[in-house]
């Protein structure tokens, strides 16, 4: 296999190299089906961080986001023909890997001398499986900013260069096999790195954040920390790992001010795995927002055991209007079986604290985990009702590559298929084929149980009355109106 890299076409230090970074994600309709109107179609900050690092080093960079523009392969080829890139960089999750492979296969016909690189969760979790399809010349494993810089800036793109860059999978011609370079350490200091190159995406108004968790627009998301020290077996942490690393309050506020000034942003979503793990950092962030009198609304995802009344109070004072909790199940045995460090009492306490402060609460539950039964699903629904959560999402368990459960189920022969386009958290009523169903349940029974949970939770007079009574302003009214249409269509289908 003679790739452009193996032939040594690119030479170290050439600043004229053009790089196109492609997000091949599915459209909202293809990825979310009947729930497309409440989905997130948002810029990929992983690509934006890489683009920013490359641009700061002097490279010519372009981003093509296929999800928001629903670009065809022919249109993608025309865009690239106008740009004439030397390097194609793709990112792919479990849901978009097939789209990435299809696009790379198609583009290689027209750009045979270019270098094709793949990064993201899927190649990090399953490097040999992805690369054996031979659509890509090299894979970037884990966090990509430093790896891509060294790949293009510090080494000749040749066989020897690949072997010396940590965090790669590359083709070794002597061994006639894919080979891993030394593992790259996680980025330890996330402060003072260039902000994501959001200006390389289409305008913000082309993207859509779910109205379930969006109050104002324009809206943007920020990643203020990476890594999660918890060991939930359903979670894929292959890219950012288990070591919690966080930006300081000053660096985060600088980015918020940049977004307000340059993008007129009115709301921020913190897309951290564990935003409040370091409570002192969150206190510092809130204090700085208040000190600088920054008028911004925001939301975040927190672990229920990391919050206190005082922390939530300070967050609300600083503009946080909604807190999202990953509660996963209303059955303690299931939580324990997937190593979720959480008890039902702690979950209930966290929701009570937020509601006491009149903060909007959202919780996500995962149905269909190993050990799930019709009875445990009923317990989860009852638990959610008891807590009076403002918004709940009932996802179906999908064994993501890179997670402990994926490996366990694969070893036990319990994965029903490896057709990754169906590895969704959200069930499309018209097109689904679950990759895993717990023993004792059928796909039809699990699907109908999830449908029933949505109907039983939202179609309650007490719930509707409470939500209407809690409307505080025009923004909340508009948010509910935006949610009505997709919800009605869901209930009609279900």
Protein backbone atom coordinates (compact mmCIF):
# COMPACT_ATOMS: atom_id res chain seq x y z
CA UNK A 1 0.00 0.00 0.00
CA UNK A 2 1.80 3.13 -1.27
CA UNK A 3 0.12 6.21 0.17
CA UNK A 4 1.24 9.75 -0.66
CA UNK A 5 2.82 9.79 2.78
CA UNK A 6 4.82 6.64 2.11
CA UNK A 7 6.14 8.22 -1.06
CA UNK A 8 7.36 11.19 0.98
CA UNK A 9 5.63 13.84 -1.10
CA UNK A 10 5.35 16.43 1.69
CA UNK A 11 8.49 17.92 3.17
CA UNK A 12 8.96 19.26 6.69
CA UNK A 13 8.52 22.99 7.02
CA UNK A 14 6.47 23.57 3.86
CA UNK A 15 4.03 26.27 4.96
CA UNK A 16 2.17 26.19 1.64
CA UNK A 17 0.41 22.96 2.55
CA UNK A 18 -3.36 23.31 2.28
CA UNK A 19 -5.50 21.37 4.74
CA UNK A 20 -9.24 20.77 4.44
CA UNK A 21 -10.95 19.47 7.58
CA UNK A 22 -14.20 17.63 6.92
CA UNK A 23 -17.01 16.77 9.31
CA UNK A 24 -18.95 14.06 7.45
CA UNK A 25 -21.79 13.78 9.98
CA UNK A 26 -25.27 12.77 8.91
CA UNK A 27 -28.00 15.35 8.47
CA UNK A 28 -30.38 15.92 11.38
CA UNK A 29 -33.06 13.88 9.61
CA UNK A 30 -30.74 10.93 9.00
CA UNK A 31 -29.21 10.96 12.48
CA UNK A 32 -32.21 11.77 14.67
CA UNK A 33 -35.23 10.77 12.58
CA UNK A 34 -38.50 11.84 14.19
CA UNK A 35 -36.62 13.84 16.84
CA UNK A 36 -34.65 15.93 14.34
CA UNK A 37 -36.35 19.17 15.39
CA UNK A 38 -35.09 18.85 18.96
CA UNK A 39 -31.59 17.71 18.02
CA UNK A 40 -28.25 19.49 18.16
CA UNK A 41 -26.66 20.31 14.82
CA UNK A 42 -23.66 22.28 15.97
CA UNK A 43 -20.07 23.10 14.96
CA UNK A 44 -17.49 20.42 15.73
CA UNK A 45 -15.12 22.08 18.21
CA UNK A 46 -12.59 19.26 17.86
CA UNK A 47 -12.03 20.24 14.23
CA UNK A 48 -12.12 23.92 15.17
CA UNK A 49 -9.34 23.46 17.75
CA UNK A 50 -7.17 21.65 15.19
CA UNK A 51 -7.89 24.31 12.56
CA UNK A 52 -6.91 27.05 14.98
CA UNK A 53 -3.65 25.33 15.90
CA UNK A 54 -2.74 24.83 12.24
CA UNK A 55 -3.67 28.36 11.25
CA UNK A 56 -1.59 29.80 14.09
CA UNK A 57 1.37 27.85 12.72
CA UNK A 58 0.87 29.33 9.26
CA UNK A 59 -1.06 26.63 7.43
CA UNK A 60 -3.88 27.31 5.01
CA UNK A 61 -6.97 25.67 6.54
CA UNK A 62 -10.56 25.19 5.42
CA UNK A 63 -13.46 23.47 7.26
CA UNK A 64 -16.34 21.76 5.46
CA UNK A 65 -19.28 20.77 7.66
CA UNK A 66 -21.45 18.31 5.75
CA UNK A 67 -24.10 18.02 8.46
CA UNK A 68 -25.40 21.58 8.47
CA UNK A 69 -25.21 22.05 4.70
CA UNK A 70 -26.22 18.48 3.75
CA UNK A 71 -23.49 18.47 1.10
CA UNK A 72 -23.54 15.71 -1.52
CA UNK A 73 -20.35 13.86 -2.48
CA UNK A 74 -20.28 15.62 -5.82
CA UNK A 75 -20.64 19.02 -4.15
CA UNK A 76 -17.92 18.10 -1.67
CA UNK A 77 -15.64 17.19 -4.57
CA UNK A 78 -16.35 20.54 -6.27
CA UNK A 79 -15.58 22.46 -3.06
CA UNK A 80 -12.28 20.63 -2.69
CA UNK A 81 -11.44 21.08 -6.38
CA UNK A 82 -11.66 24.84 -5.93
CA UNK A 83 -9.41 24.66 -2.87
CA UNK A 84 -6.97 21.94 -4.06
CA UNK A 85 -5.99 20.60 -0.62
CA UNK A 86 -2.78 18.69 0.01
CA UNK A 87 -4.23 17.08 3.12
CA UNK A 88 -7.76 15.85 3.81
CA UNK A 89 -8.56 15.59 7.50
CA UNK A 90 -11.73 13.74 8.55
CA UNK A 91 -13.26 13.30 11.98
CA UNK A 92 -15.69 10.48 12.69
CA UNK A 93 -17.84 9.12 15.48
CA UNK A 94 -19.55 5.74 15.48
CA UNK A 95 -22.49 7.31 13.62
CA UNK A 96 -20.46 9.12 10.98
CA UNK A 97 -17.68 6.61 10.26
CA UNK A 98 -19.52 5.12 7.29
CA UNK A 99 -20.06 8.59 5.82
CA UNK A 100 -16.38 9.41 6.34
CA UNK A 101 -15.24 6.23 4.60
CA UNK A 102 -17.64 6.78 1.71
CA UNK A 103 -16.45 10.37 1.25
CA UNK A 104 -12.76 9.43 1.44
CA UNK A 105 -13.21 6.61 -1.07
CA UNK A 106 -14.94 8.98 -3.48
CA UNK A 107 -12.47 11.86 -3.10
CA UNK A 108 -9.37 9.68 -3.45
CA UNK A 109 -10.31 9.10 -7.08
CA UNK A 110 -10.00 12.82 -7.81
CA UNK A 111 -7.15 13.64 -5.40
CA UNK A 112 -4.86 10.60 -5.57
CA UNK A 113 -1.74 12.51 -4.49
CA UNK A 114 -3.28 14.03 -1.37
CA UNK A 115 -2.85 12.70 2.14
CA UNK A 116 -6.03 11.35 3.78
CA UNK A 117 -6.11 11.52 7.59
CA UNK A 118 -8.84 10.28 9.96
CA UNK A 119 -9.28 11.24 13.62
CA UNK A 120 -11.99 11.20 16.25
CA UNK A 121 -13.62 8.67 18.60
CA UNK A 122 -14.11 5.82 16.13
CA UNK A 123 -10.53 5.46 14.90
CA UNK A 124 -9.24 6.03 18.44
CA UNK A 125 -11.43 3.23 19.78
CA UNK A 126 -11.00 0.82 16.84
CA UNK A 127 -7.84 1.90 14.99
CA UNK A 128 -7.15 -1.30 13.08
CA UNK A 129 -10.77 -1.86 12.08
CA UNK A 130 -11.01 1.64 10.63
CA UNK A 131 -7.65 1.64 8.87
CA UNK A 132 -8.04 -1.85 7.41
CA UNK A 133 -10.71 -0.41 5.14
CA UNK A 134 -7.80 1.42 3.47
CA UNK A 135 -9.61 4.67 2.76
CA UNK A 136 -7.14 6.64 4.90
CA UNK A 137 -3.35 6.95 4.92
CA UNK A 138 -2.91 7.71 8.60
CA UNK A 139 -5.06 7.85 11.73
CA UNK A 140 -4.79 10.35 14.59
CA UNK A 141 -5.58 8.80 17.96
CA UNK A 142 -6.84 10.77 20.95
CA UNK A 143 -6.61 14.55 21.23
CA UNK A 144 -5.52 15.81 17.84
CA UNK A 145 -4.15 19.34 18.11
CA UNK A 146 -0.52 18.56 18.93
CA UNK A 147 -0.42 15.34 16.92
CA UNK A 148 -1.57 17.01 13.70
CA UNK A 149 0.84 19.90 14.20
CA UNK A 150 3.79 17.54 14.61
CA UNK A 151 2.60 15.48 11.68
CA UNK A 152 2.56 18.45 9.32
CA UNK A 153 5.07 20.82 10.86
CA UNK A 154 7.87 18.90 12.55
CA UNK A 155 8.44 15.83 10.39
CA UNK A 156 8.61 14.88 6.75
CA UNK A 157 5.44 13.01 5.90
CA UNK A 158 7.20 9.77 5.26
CA UNK A 159 7.32 6.37 6.91
CA UNK A 160 10.05 7.38 9.36
CA UNK A 161 8.19 10.59 10.20
CA UNK A 162 5.05 8.69 11.08
CA UNK A 163 6.84 6.34 13.42
CA UNK A 164 8.27 9.23 15.42
CA UNK A 165 5.01 11.15 15.92
CA UNK A 166 3.18 9.95 19.04
CA UNK A 167 -0.52 9.23 18.69
CA UNK A 168 -0.73 7.77 15.19
CA UNK A 169 -1.63 4.59 13.36
CA UNK A 170 0.23 4.36 10.04
CA UNK A 171 1.16 1.88 7.33
CA UNK A 172 4.57 0.25 7.82
CA UNK A 173 5.76 -0.81 4.37
CA UNK A 174 8.51 -3.08 5.67
CA UNK A 175 6.05 -4.99 7.82
CA UNK A 176 3.19 -4.60 5.34
CA UNK A 177 0.90 -3.83 8.26
CA UNK A 178 -0.71 -1.02 10.18
CA UNK A 179 1.40 0.03 13.13
CA UNK A 180 0.85 2.19 16.19
CA UNK A 181 3.35 4.92 17.03
CA UNK A 182 4.02 5.58 20.75
CA UNK A 183 0.97 6.68 22.70
CA UNK A 184 0.57 10.43 23.10
CA UNK A 185 0.06 11.84 26.57
CA UNK A 186 -3.08 13.86 27.15
CA UNK A 187 -2.73 17.64 26.91
CA UNK A 188 -2.06 18.71 30.49
CA UNK A 189 -2.46 22.49 30.23
CA UNK A 190 -5.60 23.58 28.38
CA UNK A 191 -5.14 27.27 29.19
CA UNK A 192 -4.03 29.88 26.69
CA UNK A 193 -4.47 27.66 23.71
CA UNK A 194 -5.98 29.42 20.70
CA UNK A 195 -9.75 29.46 20.78
CA UNK A 196 -11.56 27.23 18.28
CA UNK A 197 -11.63 28.66 14.75
CA UNK A 198 -15.41 29.10 14.68
CA UNK A 199 -15.07 31.66 11.87
CA UNK A 200 -14.21 28.82 9.48
CA UNK A 201 -17.70 27.34 9.84
CA UNK A 202 -20.81 28.63 8.12
CA UNK A 203 -22.60 31.43 10.04
CA UNK A 204 -23.94 30.49 13.46
CA UNK A 205 -27.55 31.02 12.41
CA UNK A 206 -27.22 27.99 10.11
CA UNK A 207 -26.79 25.73 13.14
CA UNK A 208 -29.48 24.64 15.56
CA UNK A 209 -29.19 23.88 19.25
CA UNK A 210 -31.92 21.77 20.76
CA UNK A 211 -34.77 23.93 22.08
CA UNK A 212 -34.95 21.51 25.01
CA UNK A 213 -31.83 23.19 26.41
CA UNK A 214 -31.71 26.53 24.62
CA UNK A 215 -33.28 29.75 25.85
CA UNK A 216 -31.64 32.49 23.77
CA UNK A 217 -29.92 32.77 20.43
CA UNK A 218 -27.36 33.08 18.99
CA UNK A 219 -25.99 30.25 21.07
CA UNK A 220 -22.51 28.71 21.21
CA UNK A 221 -20.91 25.86 23.10
CA UNK A 222 -17.64 25.85 24.99
CA UNK A 223 -15.46 23.00 26.21
CA UNK A 224 -13.97 24.17 29.51
CA UNK A 225 -12.51 20.84 30.65
CA UNK A 226 -11.60 17.43 29.31
CA UNK A 227 -11.56 13.97 30.83
CA UNK A 228 -13.77 12.34 33.43
CA UNK A 229 -12.40 10.36 36.39
CA UNK A 230 -15.52 8.23 36.73
CA UNK A 231 -15.65 4.74 35.26
CA UNK A 232 -19.16 4.36 33.84
CA UNK A 233 -18.91 1.29 31.63
CA UNK A 234 -21.28 2.63 28.95
CA UNK A 235 -19.17 5.75 28.30
CA UNK A 236 -16.55 6.08 25.55
CA UNK A 237 -13.64 8.11 26.89
CA UNK A 238 -11.13 6.99 24.28
CA UNK A 239 -10.34 10.52 23.07
CA UNK A 240 -10.17 12.60 26.26
CA UNK A 241 -9.47 9.90 28.84
CA UNK A 242 -10.03 9.60 32.59
CA UNK A 243 -7.74 12.38 33.81
CA UNK A 244 -9.72 15.55 34.55
CA UNK A 245 -8.02 18.63 33.10
CA UNK A 246 -9.63 22.04 33.21
CA UNK A 247 -9.19 25.58 31.97
CA UNK A 248 -9.12 28.31 34.56
CA UNK A 249 -11.84 30.90 35.04
CA UNK A 250 -9.91 33.69 33.34
CA UNK A 251 -9.35 31.69 30.15
CA UNK A 252 -13.02 30.64 29.97
CA UNK A 253 -14.28 34.19 30.51
CA UNK A 254 -11.93 35.45 27.80
CA UNK A 255 -13.59 33.02 25.38
CA UNK A 256 -17.08 34.05 26.52
CA UNK A 257 -16.22 37.72 25.91
CA UNK A 258 -14.77 36.80 22.50
CA UNK A 259 -18.02 35.04 21.56
CA UNK A 260 -20.15 37.96 22.74
CA UNK A 261 -18.03 40.51 20.88
CA UNK A 262 -17.34 38.65 17.63
CA UNK A 263 -20.41 36.42 17.29
CA UNK A 264 -23.05 38.38 19.26
CA UNK A 265 -23.69 35.27 21.36
CA UNK A 266 -26.38 35.46 24.06
CA UNK A 267 -26.16 31.95 25.47
CA UNK A 268 -23.40 29.44 26.22
CA UNK A 269 -23.60 25.68 26.55
CA UNK A 270 -20.76 24.03 28.45
CA UNK A 271 -20.14 20.71 26.71
CA UNK A 272 -17.95 19.21 29.43
CA UNK A 273 -18.23 15.60 30.55
CA UNK A 274 -18.11 16.67 34.19
CA UNK A 275 -18.39 20.46 34.44
CA UNK A 276 -18.58 20.77 38.24
CA UNK A 277 -16.03 18.12 39.18
CA UNK A 278 -13.77 20.90 40.49
CA UNK A 279 -16.28 23.04 42.39
CA UNK A 280 -13.71 25.72 43.26
CA UNK A 281 -13.10 26.32 39.56
CA UNK A 282 -16.85 26.78 38.99
CA UNK A 283 -17.09 29.20 41.93
CA UNK A 284 -14.16 31.15 40.46
CA UNK A 285 -15.83 31.21 37.03
CA UNK A 286 -19.13 32.46 38.43
CA UNK A 287 -17.42 35.09 40.57
CA UNK A 288 -15.51 36.41 37.55
CA UNK A 289 -18.66 36.54 35.39
CA UNK A 290 -20.38 38.50 38.16
CA UNK A 291 -17.38 40.75 38.77
CA UNK A 292 -17.14 41.67 35.07
CA UNK A 293 -20.94 42.04 34.84
CA UNK A 294 -21.17 39.76 31.82
CA UNK A 295 -24.77 39.35 30.71
CA UNK A 296 -24.91 35.77 29.45
CA UNK A 297 -27.25 32.84 30.02
CA UNK A 298 -25.77 29.36 30.10
CA UNK A 299 -26.34 25.67 30.75
CA UNK A 300 -24.10 22.79 31.74
CA UNK A 301 -24.01 19.04 32.35
CA UNK A 302 -23.12 18.10 35.91
CA UNK A 303 -22.78 14.92 37.92
CA UNK A 304 -25.40 14.83 40.67
CA UNK A 305 -22.82 14.16 43.38
CA UNK A 306 -20.75 17.27 42.53
CA UNK A 307 -23.35 19.95 43.29
CA UNK A 308 -24.30 21.77 46.47
CA UNK A 309 -26.92 24.39 47.19
CA UNK A 310 -24.32 27.15 47.40
CA UNK A 311 -22.68 26.11 44.12
CA UNK A 312 -26.00 26.01 42.27
CA UNK A 313 -26.99 29.35 43.80
CA UNK A 314 -23.78 30.97 42.56
CA UNK A 315 -24.25 29.39 39.13
CA UNK A 316 -27.74 30.82 38.87
CA UNK A 317 -26.52 34.27 39.93
CA UNK A 318 -23.93 34.09 37.12
CA UNK A 319 -26.53 33.26 34.46
CA UNK A 320 -27.01 29.48 34.58
CA UNK A 321 -30.70 28.77 33.92
CA UNK A 322 -30.65 25.00 33.33
CA UNK A 323 -28.68 22.12 34.84
CA UNK A 324 -28.52 18.79 33.03
CA UNK A 325 -28.04 15.59 35.05
CA UNK A 326 -27.15 12.19 33.63
CA UNK A 327 -29.21 10.01 35.98
CA UNK A 328 -29.31 6.97 33.64
CA UNK A 329 -31.70 4.74 35.62
CA UNK A 330 -34.21 4.62 38.46
CA UNK A 331 -32.93 1.21 39.53
CA UNK A 332 -29.92 1.12 41.85
CA UNK A 333 -28.76 -2.35 40.76
CA UNK A 334 -28.48 -1.19 37.16
CA UNK A 335 -26.53 1.89 38.21
CA UNK A 336 -24.15 -0.30 40.19
CA UNK A 337 -23.79 -2.81 37.36
CA UNK A 338 -22.53 -0.12 34.96
CA UNK A 339 -20.21 1.41 37.60
CA UNK A 340 -22.14 4.67 37.78
CA UNK A 341 -20.97 6.28 41.06
CA UNK A 342 -24.42 7.52 41.95
CA UNK A 343 -27.30 6.62 44.22
CA UNK A 344 -30.97 7.38 43.76
CA UNK A 345 -30.93 9.48 46.93
CA UNK A 346 -28.09 11.64 45.61
CA UNK A 347 -29.93 12.11 42.30
CA UNK A 348 -33.11 13.14 44.10
CA UNK A 349 -31.21 15.54 46.34
CA UNK A 350 -29.52 17.25 43.37
CA UNK A 351 -32.83 17.76 41.57
CA UNK A 352 -34.43 19.12 44.74
CA UNK A 353 -31.61 21.62 45.25
CA UNK A 354 -31.91 22.92 41.69
CA UNK A 355 -35.69 23.18 41.89
CA UNK A 356 -35.46 24.93 45.24
CA UNK A 357 -33.54 27.64 43.40
CA UNK A 358 -36.09 27.60 40.57
CA UNK A 359 -33.47 26.46 38.09
CA UNK A 360 -34.70 24.49 35.11
CA UNK A 361 -33.83 20.82 35.44
CA UNK A 362 -33.18 18.30 32.70
CA UNK A 363 -32.27 14.64 33.15
CA UNK A 364 -31.21 11.92 30.74
CA UNK A 365 -32.00 8.24 31.25
CA UNK A 366 -30.60 5.27 29.33
CA UNK A 367 -33.01 2.39 28.83
CA UNK A 368 -31.87 -1.04 27.67
CA UNK A 369 -28.68 -1.37 29.69
CA UNK A 370 -27.64 -4.94 30.64
CA UNK A 371 -30.03 -6.25 33.27
CA UNK A 372 -32.89 -4.03 32.11
CA UNK A 373 -36.39 -5.49 32.37
CA UNK A 374 -39.91 -4.19 31.92
CA UNK A 375 -40.03 -3.70 35.68
CA UNK A 376 -36.81 -1.65 35.89
CA UNK A 377 -38.07 0.55 33.04
CA UNK A 378 -41.25 1.19 35.02
CA UNK A 379 -39.11 2.04 38.04
CA UNK A 380 -37.14 4.58 35.99
CA UNK A 381 -40.31 6.22 34.72
CA UNK A 382 -41.75 6.34 38.25
CA UNK A 383 -38.49 7.84 39.57
CA UNK A 384 -38.52 10.57 36.92
CA UNK A 385 -42.15 11.43 37.68
CA UNK A 386 -41.46 11.54 41.40
CA UNK A 387 -38.65 14.06 40.90
CA UNK A 388 -40.83 16.38 38.76
CA UNK A 389 -37.97 17.06 36.35
CA UNK A 390 -38.71 19.78 33.80
CA UNK A 391 -37.37 17.87 30.81
CA UNK A 392 -36.43 14.22 30.52
CA UNK A 393 -34.85 12.30 27.65
CA UNK A 394 -35.25 8.54 27.47
CA UNK A 395 -32.36 7.30 25.35
CA UNK A 396 -31.81 3.73 24.25
CA UNK A 397 -28.51 2.14 25.25
CA UNK A 398 -26.04 2.02 22.39
CA UNK A 399 -22.73 0.20 23.02
CA UNK A 400 -20.22 2.74 21.77
CA UNK A 401 -16.83 1.41 20.66
CA UNK A 402 -14.26 2.49 23.22
CA UNK A 403 -16.58 1.77 26.13
CA UNK A 404 -16.08 -1.12 28.54
CA UNK A 405 -19.55 -2.45 27.77
CA UNK A 406 -18.84 -2.61 24.04
CA UNK A 407 -15.85 -4.85 24.67
CA UNK A 408 -17.71 -7.00 27.19
CA UNK A 409 -20.72 -7.52 24.93
CA UNK A 410 -18.48 -8.26 21.97
CA UNK A 411 -16.58 -10.91 23.94
CA UNK A 412 -19.86 -12.47 25.08
CA UNK A 413 -21.23 -12.46 21.54
CA UNK A 414 -24.17 -10.28 22.56
CA UNK A 415 -23.78 -7.54 19.94
CA UNK A 416 -26.51 -8.09 17.38
CA UNK A 417 -24.64 -6.37 14.54
CA UNK A 418 -21.84 -3.90 13.69
CA UNK A 419 -23.84 -1.70 11.33
CA UNK A 420 -22.82 1.53 12.99
CA UNK A 421 -25.45 3.74 11.39
CA UNK A 422 -27.91 2.21 13.87
CA UNK A 423 -25.77 2.87 16.97
CA UNK A 424 -28.01 5.76 17.97
CA UNK A 425 -29.11 6.95 21.40
CA UNK A 426 -32.39 8.11 19.89
CA UNK A 427 -34.75 5.64 18.26
CA UNK A 428 -36.00 6.57 14.82
CA UNK A 429 -39.46 5.04 14.71
CA UNK A 430 -39.28 4.37 10.97
CA UNK A 431 -35.73 3.07 10.71
CA UNK A 432 -34.04 1.29 13.60
CA UNK A 433 -32.18 -1.92 14.31
CA UNK A 434 -30.85 -1.94 17.86
CA UNK A 435 -27.29 -3.27 18.23
CA UNK A 436 -28.08 -4.69 21.67
CA UNK A 437 -31.21 -5.84 23.48
CA UNK A 438 -31.06 -7.09 27.10
CA UNK A 439 -31.85 -10.72 27.79
CA UNK A 440 -35.56 -11.20 28.41
CA UNK A 441 -36.62 -8.24 26.24
CA UNK A 442 -37.26 -7.96 22.53
CA UNK A 443 -36.42 -5.02 20.30
CA UNK A 444 -40.13 -4.35 19.83
CA UNK A 445 -40.80 -4.44 23.59
CA UNK A 446 -37.87 -2.13 24.38
CA UNK A 447 -38.85 0.32 21.66
CA UNK A 448 -42.47 0.44 22.80
CA UNK A 449 -41.36 0.86 26.41
CA UNK A 450 -39.37 3.96 25.47
CA UNK A 451 -42.33 5.29 23.50
CA UNK A 452 -44.57 4.69 26.48
CA UNK A 453 -42.17 6.50 28.83
CA UNK A 454 -42.33 9.63 26.67
CA UNK A 455 -46.12 9.54 26.49
CA UNK A 456 -46.58 8.75 30.17
CA UNK A 457 -44.19 11.47 31.29
CA UNK A 458 -45.21 14.38 29.10
CA UNK A 459 -48.92 13.76 28.58
CA UNK A 460 -49.87 14.45 32.19
CA UNK A 461 -52.12 17.31 33.21
CA UNK A 462 -50.02 17.98 36.31
CA UNK A 463 -46.84 18.21 34.23
CA UNK A 464 -48.33 20.51 31.59
CA UNK A 465 -49.94 22.76 34.23
CA UNK A 466 -46.67 23.02 36.19
CA UNK A 467 -44.66 23.93 33.11
CA UNK A 468 -47.12 26.63 32.07
CA UNK A 469 -47.18 28.02 35.61
CA UNK A 470 -43.38 28.25 35.63
CA UNK A 471 -43.15 30.36 32.46
CA UNK A 472 -41.17 33.38 33.56
CA UNK A 473 -40.51 35.33 30.36
CA UNK A 474 -40.77 35.52 26.58
CA UNK A 475 -37.66 33.38 26.08
CA UNK A 476 -39.15 30.45 27.97
CA UNK A 477 -42.45 30.78 26.08
CA UNK A 478 -40.62 30.73 22.76
CA UNK A 479 -38.61 27.71 23.89
CA UNK A 480 -41.76 25.72 24.71
CA UNK A 481 -43.38 26.67 21.41
CA UNK A 482 -40.31 25.44 19.54
CA UNK A 483 -40.60 22.09 21.31
CA UNK A 484 -44.31 21.60 20.65
CA UNK A 485 -44.16 20.69 16.97
CA UNK A 486 -41.62 17.85 17.26
CA UNK A 487 -43.29 16.57 20.41
CA UNK A 488 -46.68 16.39 18.73
CA UNK A 489 -45.17 14.57 15.77
CA UNK A 490 -43.48 12.13 18.14
CA UNK A 491 -46.70 11.40 20.02
CA UNK A 492 -48.56 10.98 16.73
CA UNK A 493 -46.01 8.39 15.54
CA UNK A 494 -45.90 6.68 18.91
